[in-house]
Amino acid sequence: MSDTVPPADDQPRTFRERPVSFVRRSGRMSDAQERAWSELAGTYVVESPRDLAATSIRPGSAIDPARVWGRHAPLIVEIGSGQGHAIVHAAASRPDDDFLAIEVFRAGLARTMLDADRAGARNLRLVEANAPEVLEHLLPEASVSELWVFFPDPWHKKKHTKRRLVTSAFAALAAHALTDGGMLRLATDWEDYALQMRAVLGDAADFEPAFEGEWAPRFDGRVLTAFERKGARVGRDIRDLAYRRRPRP
């Protein structure tokens, strides 16, 4: 069954043939967020042609990272960047690397821009789009050094698990975008999703585990957020995974 994708206010309702890993509810931004979008989007937001939906990427829309960031540098991409706490901290502390935040919620992107601007993180860019389409259509093959998926929506009800981001199809898109030897880093506080992630990546021929034992150690590049603290307070264990992209034939 196709999924309804809530439209922007000025767009007709459209449909996708494949489920997406989010529900894009409408919501007003604060005055500060509106100002951030108006004043900072020209610096931080990567615009891209849309396909059917407001968060889709038109096939054939690949960017040239060297032109977008104005240099050649390792590119780190975070899927579902939320309010931007992790990626703004990383971009500010790693000025020699480039960063891309992928998020569908405009208020979160506005907050990310505000914090990035305060931190002077000029090596950060943002895209408002469905992450699999960014990997498939916007980012060139072998252009990403690290891909982060931290605390994706677990869609914990059985009837909704088809919406989970990390599937075999996602693994193939991640392998396409990552450089040889590039890292895919994941974290979740839902055990059954962690097990699914591990099974999916364990079956993916393009990846090899970059850890020993059941789980990877906590990635020290992931800033401790209020979300992670809340999960720990209610007794949910945080599980990390890390996989290396095998060399292409």
Protein backbone atom coordinates (compact mmCIF):
# COMPACT_ATOMS: atom_id res chain seq x y z
CA MET A 1 0.00 0.00 0.00
CA SER A 2 1.26 3.47 -0.78
CA ASP A 3 1.82 5.99 2.02
CA THR A 4 0.29 9.41 2.22
CA VAL A 5 2.91 12.09 2.55
CA PRO A 6 1.57 15.22 4.23
CA PRO A 7 2.17 18.12 1.84
CA ALA A 8 3.53 21.57 2.38
CA ASP A 9 0.77 24.16 2.73
CA ASP A 10 0.96 25.15 -0.92
CA GLN A 11 1.26 21.67 -2.44
CA PRO A 12 -1.34 19.05 -3.35
CA ARG A 13 -1.42 15.79 -1.43
CA THR A 14 0.89 13.23 -3.01
CA PHE A 15 1.66 9.56 -2.47
CA ARG A 16 4.76 7.37 -2.32
CA GLU A 17 4.77 3.76 -3.40
CA ARG A 18 7.15 2.72 -0.58
CA PRO A 19 6.69 3.42 3.14
CA VAL A 20 8.80 6.18 4.64
CA SER A 21 10.34 6.08 8.10
CA PHE A 22 8.60 9.22 9.34
CA VAL A 23 5.25 10.96 9.60
CA ARG A 24 5.70 14.62 8.76
CA ARG A 25 3.12 16.37 10.90
CA SER A 26 2.39 20.01 10.31
CA GLY A 27 3.52 22.43 12.98
CA ARG A 28 4.31 26.10 13.35
CA MET A 29 7.83 27.30 13.93
CA SER A 30 8.63 29.85 16.59
CA ASP A 31 9.44 33.42 15.58
CA ALA A 32 13.14 32.70 16.21
CA GLN A 33 12.99 29.61 14.01
CA GLU A 34 11.22 31.53 11.25
CA ARG A 35 13.94 34.20 11.39
CA ALA A 36 16.63 31.53 11.33
CA TRP A 37 15.13 29.99 8.21
CA SER A 38 14.81 33.37 6.52
CA GLU A 39 18.30 34.60 7.43
CA LEU A 40 20.42 31.42 7.50
CA ALA A 41 18.92 28.96 5.02
CA GLY A 42 20.85 30.54 2.18
CA THR A 43 24.08 29.63 3.94
CA TYR A 44 23.24 26.23 5.37
CA VAL A 45 20.43 24.55 3.40
CA VAL A 46 21.20 22.46 0.33
CA GLU A 47 18.31 22.99 -2.05
CA SER A 48 17.37 20.15 -4.37
CA PRO A 49 14.71 19.52 -7.01
CA ARG A 50 11.70 17.62 -5.64
CA ASP A 51 9.98 14.62 -7.13
CA LEU A 52 6.42 13.70 -6.06
CA ALA A 53 6.47 14.75 -2.42
CA ALA A 54 7.61 17.75 -0.40
CA THR A 55 10.54 15.79 1.05
CA SER A 56 11.46 13.78 -2.06
CA ILE A 57 14.56 14.14 -4.25
CA ARG A 58 14.24 14.11 -8.00
CA PRO A 59 16.39 11.43 -9.66
CA GLY A 60 19.41 12.90 -11.41
CA SER A 61 19.87 15.68 -8.83
CA ALA A 62 23.30 14.72 -7.51
CA ILE A 63 25.36 17.51 -5.97
CA ASP A 64 29.10 18.08 -6.24
CA PRO A 65 30.29 18.13 -2.60
CA ALA A 66 33.43 20.07 -3.49
CA ARG A 67 31.26 22.88 -4.89
CA VAL A 68 28.76 22.82 -2.00
CA TRP A 69 31.44 22.99 0.70
CA GLY A 70 34.04 24.81 -1.37
CA ARG A 71 36.80 22.25 -0.76
CA HIS A 72 37.72 18.58 -0.81
CA ALA A 73 37.32 17.08 2.68
CA PRO A 74 35.88 13.96 4.34
CA LEU A 75 32.07 14.14 4.41
CA ILE A 76 30.13 12.95 7.45
CA VAL A 77 26.36 12.56 7.07
CA GLU A 78 23.82 12.22 9.87
CA ILE A 79 20.36 10.83 9.15
CA GLY A 80 17.61 12.13 11.40
CA SER A 81 19.62 14.93 12.95
CA GLY A 82 16.67 16.20 15.03
CA GLN A 83 17.57 19.42 16.83
CA GLY A 84 21.15 19.07 15.58
CA HIS A 85 22.89 18.62 18.92
CA ALA A 86 25.20 15.82 17.80
CA ILE A 87 26.12 17.15 14.38
CA VAL A 88 26.62 20.77 15.43
CA HIS A 89 28.97 19.64 18.20
CA ALA A 90 30.84 17.41 15.76
CA ALA A 91 31.09 20.06 13.05
CA ALA A 92 32.34 22.69 15.49
CA SER A 93 34.97 20.35 16.92
CA ARG A 94 36.13 18.91 13.58
CA PRO A 95 36.67 21.93 11.30
CA ASP A 96 38.72 19.92 8.79
CA ASP A 97 35.74 17.68 7.98
CA ASP A 98 32.47 18.51 6.21
CA PHE A 99 29.06 17.60 7.64
CA LEU A 100 25.55 17.12 6.25
CA ALA A 101 22.44 16.87 8.44
CA ILE A 102 19.40 15.13 6.92
CA GLU A 103 16.07 15.87 8.59
CA VAL A 104 12.43 16.18 7.53
CA PHE A 105 11.26 18.46 10.34
CA ARG A 106 11.85 22.09 9.47
CA ALA A 107 11.73 23.32 13.08
CA GLY A 108 14.62 20.98 13.93
CA LEU A 109 16.60 22.23 10.96
CA ALA A 110 15.97 25.84 12.01
CA ARG A 111 17.26 25.09 15.51
CA THR A 112 20.29 23.37 13.97
CA MET A 113 21.08 26.45 11.90
CA LEU A 114 20.79 28.74 14.93
CA ASP A 115 23.18 26.60 16.97
CA ALA A 116 25.58 26.12 14.05
CA ASP A 117 25.72 29.84 13.46
CA ARG A 118 26.45 30.51 17.14
CA ALA A 119 29.15 27.84 17.11
CA GLY A 120 30.71 29.11 13.89
CA ALA A 121 30.22 25.71 12.24
CA ARG A 122 30.51 26.85 8.63
CA ASN A 123 31.42 23.30 7.55
CA LEU A 124 27.84 22.12 8.16
CA ARG A 125 25.05 21.91 5.59
CA LEU A 126 21.46 20.70 5.94
CA VAL A 127 18.95 19.07 3.65
CA GLU A 128 15.21 18.78 4.26
CA ALA A 129 14.45 15.43 2.66
CA ASN A 130 13.73 11.73 2.98
CA ALA A 131 17.09 10.15 3.81
CA PRO A 132 17.03 7.13 1.46
CA GLU A 133 16.37 9.47 -1.47
CA VAL A 134 19.29 11.66 -0.41
CA LEU A 135 21.57 8.61 -0.44
CA GLU A 136 20.17 7.41 -3.76
CA HIS A 137 19.81 10.64 -5.74
CA LEU A 138 21.54 13.60 -4.06
CA LEU A 139 24.89 12.25 -2.88
CA PRO A 140 27.29 10.87 -5.51
CA GLU A 141 28.52 7.30 -5.21
CA ALA A 142 31.45 6.88 -2.79
CA SER A 143 31.22 10.46 -1.55
CA VAL A 144 30.54 9.85 2.17
CA SER A 145 33.26 8.96 4.69
CA GLU A 146 30.92 8.33 7.64
CA LEU A 147 27.16 7.79 7.83
CA TRP A 148 25.44 8.17 11.20
CA VAL A 149 22.04 6.77 12.16
CA PHE A 150 21.48 7.60 15.82
CA PHE A 151 18.19 6.70 17.50
CA PRO A 152 15.96 6.36 14.42
CA ASP A 153 12.24 6.02 15.05
CA PRO A 154 11.82 2.41 16.29
CA TRP A 155 8.23 2.03 15.04
CA HIS A 156 7.84 -0.48 17.85
CA LYS A 157 4.28 -1.61 17.04
CA LYS A 158 4.40 -4.76 14.95
CA LYS A 159 2.10 -3.35 12.27
CA HIS A 160 4.47 -0.38 11.82
CA THR A 161 7.87 -2.13 11.69
CA LYS A 162 7.77 -1.97 7.89
CA ARG A 163 8.48 1.76 8.31
CA ARG A 164 11.83 1.21 10.00
CA LEU A 165 14.71 2.87 8.21
CA VAL A 166 17.35 0.15 8.52
CA THR A 167 16.49 -2.57 6.02
CA SER A 168 18.39 -4.46 3.35
CA ALA A 169 17.37 -1.78 0.84
CA PHE A 170 18.81 0.91 3.12
CA ALA A 171 22.04 -1.06 3.52
CA ALA A 172 22.44 -1.09 -0.25
CA LEU A 173 21.93 2.69 -0.45
CA ALA A 174 24.40 3.26 2.38
CA ALA A 175 26.97 1.09 0.62
CA HIS A 176 26.44 3.10 -2.57
CA ALA A 177 27.08 6.43 -0.84
CA LEU A 178 30.01 5.39 1.37
CA THR A 179 33.63 5.41 0.28
CA ASP A 180 35.59 2.17 0.40
CA GLY A 181 36.49 1.78 4.06
CA GLY A 182 33.82 4.31 5.05
CA MET A 183 31.98 3.82 8.35
CA LEU A 184 28.31 3.26 9.04
CA ARG A 185 27.57 4.02 12.71
CA LEU A 186 24.23 3.21 14.35
CA ALA A 187 22.74 3.50 17.82
CA THR A 188 19.33 2.70 19.30
CA ASP A 189 17.73 2.25 22.70
CA TRP A 190 15.27 -0.39 21.43
CA GLU A 191 16.67 -3.90 21.72
CA ASP A 192 14.58 -5.50 18.99
CA TYR A 193 15.56 -2.76 16.53
CA ALA A 194 19.22 -3.20 17.49
CA LEU A 195 18.88 -6.91 16.75
CA GLN A 196 17.24 -6.11 13.40
CA MET A 197 20.03 -3.66 12.52
CA ARG A 198 22.68 -6.24 13.38
CA ALA A 199 20.94 -8.92 11.33
CA VAL A 200 20.50 -6.63 8.32
CA LEU A 201 24.11 -5.45 8.30
CA GLY A 202 25.39 -8.94 9.05
CA ASP A 203 23.73 -10.13 5.84
CA ALA A 204 24.95 -7.17 3.78
CA ALA A 205 27.84 -8.32 1.59
CA ASP A 206 29.19 -4.78 1.22
CA PHE A 207 29.81 -4.37 4.96
CA GLU A 208 31.97 -5.94 7.63
CA PRO A 209 31.65 -5.38 11.39
CA ALA A 210 34.08 -2.88 12.89
CA PHE A 211 33.68 -4.27 16.40
CA GLU A 212 34.15 -7.50 18.32
CA GLY A 213 31.54 -9.24 20.39
CA GLU A 214 27.81 -8.52 20.37
CA TRP A 215 27.85 -4.71 20.23
CA ALA A 216 30.22 -1.91 19.37
CA PRO A 217 31.56 0.35 22.12
CA ARG A 218 29.79 3.69 22.46
CA PHE A 219 30.91 6.01 19.67
CA ASP A 220 32.77 8.78 21.46
CA GLY A 221 31.96 11.20 18.65
CA ARG A 222 28.27 11.12 19.62
CA VAL A 223 27.53 13.89 22.10
CA LEU A 224 25.37 12.78 25.02
CA THR A 225 21.95 14.32 24.38
CA ALA A 226 18.88 14.78 26.58
CA PHE A 227 17.16 12.11 24.47
CA GLU A 228 19.84 9.54 25.31
CA ARG A 229 19.80 10.49 29.00
CA LYS A 230 16.03 10.06 29.09
CA GLY A 231 16.28 6.57 27.59
CA ALA A 232 18.88 5.58 30.17
CA ARG A 233 16.72 6.96 33.01
CA VAL A 234 13.79 4.74 32.07
CA GLY A 235 16.05 1.70 31.88
CA ARG A 236 16.59 1.29 28.15
CA ASP A 237 20.10 0.14 27.24
CA ILE A 238 21.85 2.04 24.46
CA ARG A 239 23.33 -0.28 21.84
CA ASP A 240 25.88 0.85 19.27
CA LEU A 241 26.88 -0.82 16.02
CA ALA A 242 29.63 0.07 13.54
CA TYR A 243 30.30 -1.35 10.07
CA ARG A 244 33.02 -0.72 7.53
CA ARG A 245 32.25 -0.52 3.83
CA ARG A 246 34.20 -3.25 2.05
CA PRO A 247 36.34 -2.27 -0.96
CA ARG A 248 34.49 -2.28 -4.26
CA PRO A 249 35.58 -4.95 -6.77
